[in-house]
Each structure stands twice: as C-alpha cells, then as structure tokens.
C-alpha cells in the first residue's frame, strides 16, 4: 500500500534524436511545462566536456525541472561523442563542436511549440565556451547564461603550466586525458588558441548575459571572468556578473544560491521583461 500525497505533474518529457554533422546521431530530452499554453519560452542546455545532458549530479535535469515550474521549456542534448551521442571525443575537433552547436540551436528554432522570440542558452564549461563561439553566427538568441567558460585559451595554458590541474594530463606529444577520457589533440590545440574577446564586435548589442563563476575554480580561473567583464561591460545591453566563494568548476546545487539565481534570471529575461 502506498500512502502520501500524489504530486500533480507539471511537465512533459519527450525524447528526441538529432543528426549532427550529417552523420552522428545524438539524443536529447525536451521538458515542456504543462500548466501554461504554448508557445513556450525555451532554454537550450549545453553541458561541459566529458559530461552529458544529465549534468554533474543531475544538475541539468534539476535545472530543466525548475525551469518548467516557471513555465519555461528546456532542451538538453548530448554533444558530439558524449552521453548517448555516437562517436568518441577523440573523433572531433573544436570546429566540429562549433558547427554541431549551431545545428542544435537551429533544431530548437524549428520546434513548433517553442517561442522563437524568447530563446536562451545556458552553457556550462565547454557548453558555455561553445555558446560564445557560435553566438555571432546564430540568430534570435535573447539571452545567454554562462557557467565558467574559457575566455582565453592562452590564459588557460599559462595558468595550467603554473598550477597543473588534476583534471588534465598530457602524455608524450599527442595523448591528452581530461577527466580520465582521451581528447582529440586537434581539439585541444584549437582550444588553447581560442580568444572570445576577438568575437566581441559580432555580438548582438541587445543581448543579455549572465556570467557565473566559482572563485575556487582551478581549471578555468576567475581571471577569465575578469577579462570578459572588462571587455564587454560597455558593449552589452545587460551584463550580470556573479561569483560564488568556495565553489570550484562544477556547477553547485547545494549550499549556494546559484540554481535559484540562474532560474530567476532566466525567468526575468524570458517572461518578465517586455
């Protein structure tokens, strides 16, 4: 016998498949709110390197769940070589990830019950970096929220040389291991050459940006956030900078206000604003 309250379901989860680079099948989940009528404002969730659409400690599932409670749809999908997507991380370059990120955003634009005028992206780590790299070539993105993106590959390289990270190890001239997973050497070399600041002339001036960062992040330091803030503070309509003490590279679900900060910011951008 089961006792207790039965909670009313507030969202519908639909699995979908998507072909990336005309070859690789990936899978995702669309969370749609049931208590508001479509079209729904929507957030595309892009995960980090060597992670997946679920996110660390189910962070992306919990974020999508929280967004649907606010009447916002969420689309989370595995990037190339991650999660349920075909291929391995060693198969893909950074350029491959940029192209496939655009394809994911275009897919979101094509869905009939989503509000194309109120589309946002949340990217974590690599997902945040890819958001910034592809932003100049995608249309109608109202807002982006970023967790710990790499702004300068050169800065990352310098800081890793001074204080090596346990997450990344390099063996010989070609074997790069990230979180126990081998990377494509071309991807890694391209990543260390990236410079988000060079993209700033192409960013939409009416874009709203939330940049979140843990102060104890030893992989992507808070110096990346400082570079971005200095370069973009007078070039974006709305830039919000948030830092969290005693937080590392992983998006925090406990003991901080990060999740509520993120969901309320997205609500304000996609629903509350005119």
Protein backbone atom coordinates (compact mmCIF):
# COMPACT_ATOMS: atom_id res chain seq x y z
CA UNK A 1 0.00 0.00 0.00
CA UNK A 2 1.31 3.43 -0.98
CA UNK A 3 0.48 6.36 1.23
CA UNK A 4 1.21 10.06 0.99
CA UNK A 5 0.40 12.86 -1.39
CA UNK A 6 0.50 12.42 -5.15
CA UNK A 7 2.04 15.49 -6.71
CA UNK A 8 0.48 16.93 -9.82
CA UNK A 9 2.76 16.52 -12.81
CA UNK A 10 3.83 19.89 -14.17
CA UNK A 11 5.96 18.91 -17.17
CA UNK A 12 6.13 16.51 -20.09
CA UNK A 13 9.48 14.99 -21.05
CA UNK A 14 9.93 13.94 -24.66
CA UNK A 15 12.98 12.16 -26.03
CA UNK A 16 14.21 13.16 -29.48
CA UNK A 17 17.05 12.24 -31.81
CA UNK A 18 19.06 14.62 -33.95
CA UNK A 19 21.72 14.11 -36.63
CA UNK A 20 24.84 16.23 -36.24
CA UNK A 21 27.44 16.88 -38.95
CA UNK A 22 25.20 14.83 -41.31
CA UNK A 23 26.50 11.65 -39.71
CA UNK A 24 26.31 11.34 -35.93
CA UNK A 25 23.04 10.64 -34.14
CA UNK A 26 22.56 12.22 -30.75
CA UNK A 27 19.68 12.17 -28.31
CA UNK A 28 18.06 14.74 -26.09
CA UNK A 29 15.16 15.45 -23.79
CA UNK A 30 12.65 18.27 -24.23
CA UNK A 31 10.99 19.39 -21.00
CA UNK A 32 7.72 21.22 -21.70
CA UNK A 33 5.58 22.85 -18.99
CA UNK A 34 2.00 21.58 -18.78
CA UNK A 35 0.46 24.42 -16.79
CA UNK A 36 0.96 27.12 -19.44
CA UNK A 37 -0.08 27.13 -23.07
CA UNK A 38 2.47 27.09 -25.90
CA UNK A 39 4.44 28.61 -27.45
CA UNK A 40 6.87 28.31 -24.55
CA UNK A 41 9.96 30.40 -23.89
CA UNK A 42 12.84 27.95 -24.04
CA UNK A 43 16.35 27.42 -22.71
CA UNK A 44 18.81 25.17 -24.54
CA UNK A 45 21.18 23.47 -22.08
CA UNK A 46 24.73 22.74 -23.26
CA UNK A 47 26.84 20.59 -20.95
CA UNK A 48 30.57 20.53 -20.28
CA UNK A 49 33.45 18.47 -21.63
CA UNK A 50 33.34 14.75 -20.70
CA UNK A 51 29.86 15.26 -19.22
CA UNK A 52 26.43 14.68 -20.75
CA UNK A 53 22.88 16.00 -20.97
CA UNK A 54 22.17 14.85 -17.40
CA UNK A 55 24.92 17.05 -15.97
CA UNK A 56 27.10 16.56 -12.91
CA UNK A 57 24.94 15.31 -10.02
CA UNK A 58 21.93 15.58 -12.39
CA UNK A 59 22.34 19.35 -12.44
CA UNK A 60 20.86 19.80 -15.92
CA UNK A 61 17.87 17.61 -15.08
CA UNK A 62 17.21 19.66 -11.95
CA UNK A 63 17.66 22.91 -13.85
CA UNK A 64 15.21 21.81 -16.56
CA UNK A 65 12.73 20.70 -13.89
CA UNK A 66 12.98 24.08 -12.14
CA UNK A 67 12.52 25.97 -15.41
CA UNK A 68 9.34 24.11 -16.32
CA UNK A 69 7.91 25.01 -12.92
CA UNK A 70 8.34 28.63 -14.04
CA UNK A 71 6.61 28.00 -17.38
CA UNK A 72 9.82 27.75 -19.41
CA UNK A 73 10.67 24.79 -21.64
CA UNK A 74 14.16 23.28 -21.55
CA UNK A 75 16.01 21.27 -24.15
CA UNK A 76 19.04 19.28 -23.07
CA UNK A 77 21.07 17.26 -25.54
CA UNK A 78 24.30 15.26 -25.66
CA UNK A 79 27.14 16.96 -27.52
CA UNK A 80 29.24 15.05 -30.04
CA UNK A 81 30.90 11.98 -28.54
CA UNK A 82 29.21 12.49 -25.16
CA UNK A 83 26.48 10.57 -23.39
CA UNK A 84 24.26 8.73 -25.86
CA UNK A 85 25.67 10.51 -28.92
CA UNK A 86 27.56 8.46 -31.47
CA UNK A 87 31.31 8.86 -31.79
CA UNK A 88 34.10 9.40 -29.29
CA UNK A 89 35.72 12.59 -28.00
CA UNK A 90 38.83 11.67 -29.99
CA UNK A 91 36.81 11.92 -33.22
CA UNK A 92 36.05 15.64 -33.07
CA UNK A 93 37.77 19.00 -33.38
CA UNK A 94 36.67 22.25 -31.78
CA UNK A 95 35.34 23.33 -35.18
CA UNK A 96 33.15 20.22 -35.25
CA UNK A 97 31.67 21.23 -31.91
CA UNK A 98 31.01 24.77 -33.13
CA UNK A 99 29.16 23.53 -36.22
CA UNK A 100 27.13 20.98 -34.26
CA UNK A 101 26.21 23.57 -31.62
CA UNK A 102 24.69 25.71 -34.36
CA UNK A 103 22.76 22.66 -35.55
CA UNK A 104 21.36 22.12 -32.05
CA UNK A 105 20.22 25.75 -31.83
CA UNK A 106 18.67 25.55 -35.31
CA UNK A 107 16.79 22.44 -34.19
CA UNK A 108 15.39 24.33 -31.22
CA UNK A 109 14.28 27.12 -33.56
CA UNK A 110 12.41 24.58 -35.71
CA UNK A 111 10.21 23.16 -32.95
CA UNK A 112 6.61 24.33 -33.41
CA UNK A 113 5.57 24.79 -29.78
CA UNK A 114 8.59 26.85 -28.72
CA UNK A 115 8.63 30.64 -28.69
CA UNK A 116 11.33 31.62 -31.18
CA UNK A 117 11.36 35.19 -29.87
CA UNK A 118 12.19 34.05 -26.34
CA UNK A 119 15.05 31.60 -26.71
CA UNK A 120 18.01 31.48 -24.32
CA UNK A 121 21.06 29.27 -23.89
CA UNK A 122 22.64 28.01 -20.69
CA UNK A 123 26.13 26.65 -21.20
CA UNK A 124 28.34 25.03 -18.59
CA UNK A 125 32.13 24.97 -19.06
CA UNK A 126 32.67 23.74 -22.66
CA UNK A 127 28.98 24.37 -23.33
CA UNK A 128 29.43 27.98 -22.22
CA UNK A 129 32.52 28.41 -24.40
CA UNK A 130 30.68 26.95 -27.40
CA UNK A 131 27.79 29.32 -26.76
CA UNK A 132 30.15 32.30 -27.01
CA UNK A 133 31.97 30.92 -30.06
CA UNK A 134 28.78 30.25 -32.04
CA UNK A 135 26.79 33.29 -30.93
CA UNK A 136 27.91 35.53 -33.83
CA UNK A 137 26.51 33.04 -36.35
CA UNK A 138 23.11 32.27 -34.79
CA UNK A 139 20.02 34.46 -34.80
CA UNK A 140 17.33 35.40 -32.32
CA UNK A 141 19.01 34.46 -29.08
CA UNK A 142 17.53 36.72 -26.43
CA UNK A 143 19.80 35.82 -23.53
CA UNK A 144 22.70 33.59 -22.59
CA UNK A 145 23.72 32.30 -19.17
CA UNK A 146 27.25 31.02 -18.73
CA UNK A 147 28.94 28.90 -16.11
CA UNK A 148 32.77 29.02 -16.15
CA UNK A 149 33.52 29.43 -19.87
CA UNK A 150 37.08 29.58 -21.16
CA UNK A 151 37.61 33.10 -22.49
CA UNK A 152 41.27 32.80 -23.44
CA UNK A 153 43.00 29.56 -24.35
CA UNK A 154 46.33 31.29 -23.84
CA UNK A 155 45.38 32.27 -20.28
CA UNK A 156 44.29 28.71 -19.53
CA UNK A 157 47.57 27.35 -20.88
CA UNK A 158 49.65 29.76 -18.78
CA UNK A 159 47.70 29.02 -15.61
CA UNK A 160 47.86 25.26 -16.12
CA UNK A 161 51.63 25.48 -16.50
CA UNK A 162 51.91 27.40 -13.23
CA UNK A 163 49.47 25.19 -11.35
CA UNK A 164 48.76 21.90 -13.14
CA UNK A 165 45.23 20.58 -12.78
CA UNK A 166 44.45 17.02 -11.77
CA UNK A 167 41.70 17.06 -14.40
CA UNK A 168 44.05 17.38 -17.40
CA UNK A 169 47.13 15.26 -18.04
CA UNK A 170 49.37 15.19 -21.11
CA UNK A 171 51.41 12.11 -22.02
CA UNK A 172 54.05 12.49 -24.71
CA UNK A 173 53.26 14.76 -27.63
CA UNK A 174 49.78 13.63 -28.51
CA UNK A 175 47.85 11.92 -25.69
CA UNK A 176 45.69 14.36 -23.75
CA UNK A 177 43.48 12.99 -20.97
CA UNK A 178 40.62 15.02 -19.49
CA UNK A 179 38.75 13.57 -16.51
CA UNK A 180 40.04 10.14 -17.49
CA UNK A 181 38.83 10.48 -21.09
CA UNK A 182 41.21 10.92 -24.08
CA UNK A 183 40.74 14.04 -26.23
CA UNK A 184 41.46 14.73 -29.87
CA UNK A 185 44.86 16.53 -29.98
CA UNK A 186 43.49 18.84 -32.69
CA UNK A 187 40.60 19.80 -30.43
CA UNK A 188 43.00 20.58 -27.59
CA UNK A 189 45.36 22.65 -29.75
CA UNK A 190 42.42 24.62 -31.20
CA UNK A 191 41.00 25.14 -27.72
CA UNK A 192 44.24 26.65 -26.42
CA UNK A 193 44.20 29.14 -29.32
CA UNK A 194 40.65 30.40 -28.79
CA UNK A 195 40.06 34.03 -27.89
CA UNK A 196 36.48 35.02 -27.13
CA UNK A 197 37.44 38.70 -26.96
CA UNK A 198 38.02 38.69 -30.72
CA UNK A 199 34.35 37.78 -31.18
CA UNK A 200 33.01 40.84 -29.36
CA UNK A 201 32.39 43.04 -32.45
CA UNK A 202 29.94 40.39 -33.69
CA UNK A 203 27.88 40.01 -30.51
CA UNK A 204 24.31 41.39 -30.65
CA UNK A 205 24.27 44.64 -28.68
CA UNK A 206 20.83 43.93 -27.20
CA UNK A 207 21.92 40.57 -25.80
CA UNK A 208 21.53 39.90 -22.07
CA UNK A 209 24.36 37.91 -20.49
CA UNK A 210 24.67 36.23 -17.10
CA UNK A 211 28.23 35.12 -16.30
CA UNK A 212 28.58 32.83 -13.26
CA UNK A 213 31.85 31.58 -11.82
CA UNK A 214 33.22 29.75 -8.80
CA UNK A 215 36.03 31.59 -7.05
CA UNK A 216 37.87 28.34 -6.24
CA UNK A 217 37.88 27.08 -9.84
CA UNK A 218 41.40 25.81 -10.56
CA UNK A 219 40.62 24.70 -14.12
CA UNK A 220 39.04 27.88 -15.50
CA UNK A 221 40.04 30.61 -13.09
CA UNK A 222 38.06 33.70 -12.17
CA UNK A 223 40.59 35.63 -14.30
CA UNK A 224 38.60 34.57 -17.37
CA UNK A 225 35.53 36.26 -15.92
CA UNK A 226 37.53 39.42 -15.23
CA UNK A 227 38.76 39.51 -18.85
CA UNK A 228 35.21 39.17 -20.15
CA UNK A 229 33.76 41.76 -17.79
CA UNK A 230 36.41 44.31 -18.69
CA UNK A 231 35.98 43.79 -22.43
CA UNK A 232 32.17 43.68 -22.55
CA UNK A 233 30.94 45.88 -19.70
CA UNK A 234 30.15 48.81 -22.03
CA UNK A 235 29.28 46.76 -25.11
CA UNK A 236 26.29 44.72 -23.94
CA UNK A 237 22.83 45.96 -23.04
CA UNK A 238 22.81 43.89 -19.87
CA UNK A 239 25.74 42.05 -18.31
CA UNK A 240 25.36 40.40 -14.90
CA UNK A 241 28.46 39.04 -13.17
CA UNK A 242 28.08 36.59 -10.27
CA UNK A 243 30.83 34.80 -8.36
CA UNK A 244 30.48 32.14 -5.69
CA UNK A 245 33.03 31.69 -2.87
CA UNK A 246 34.30 28.20 -2.05
CA UNK A 247 32.91 26.84 -5.34
CA UNK A 248 35.06 25.02 -7.91
CA UNK A 249 34.48 24.22 -11.59
CA UNK A 250 31.35 22.12 -11.03
CA UNK A 251 28.00 23.92 -11.10
CA UNK A 252 26.86 23.90 -7.45
CA UNK A 253 23.45 22.60 -6.44
CA UNK A 254 23.86 22.82 -2.66
CA UNK A 255 24.97 25.47 -0.19
CA UNK A 256 24.79 28.33 -2.71
CA UNK A 257 22.11 30.38 -4.44
CA UNK A 258 23.47 29.51 -7.90
CA UNK A 259 20.49 27.46 -9.13
CA UNK A 260 17.88 29.97 -7.93
CA UNK A 261 19.99 32.87 -9.25
CA UNK A 262 20.10 31.21 -12.65
CA UNK A 263 16.43 30.27 -12.90
CA UNK A 264 15.19 33.66 -11.68
CA UNK A 265 17.48 35.48 -14.10
CA UNK A 266 16.19 33.37 -16.99
CA UNK A 267 12.60 33.97 -15.89
CA UNK A 268 13.19 37.72 -15.81
CA UNK A 269 14.72 37.68 -19.29
CA UNK A 270 12.25 35.36 -20.98
CA UNK A 271 8.96 36.09 -19.20
CA UNK A 272 9.04 39.17 -17.01
CA UNK A 273 10.59 41.63 -19.44
CA UNK A 274 8.62 43.36 -22.15
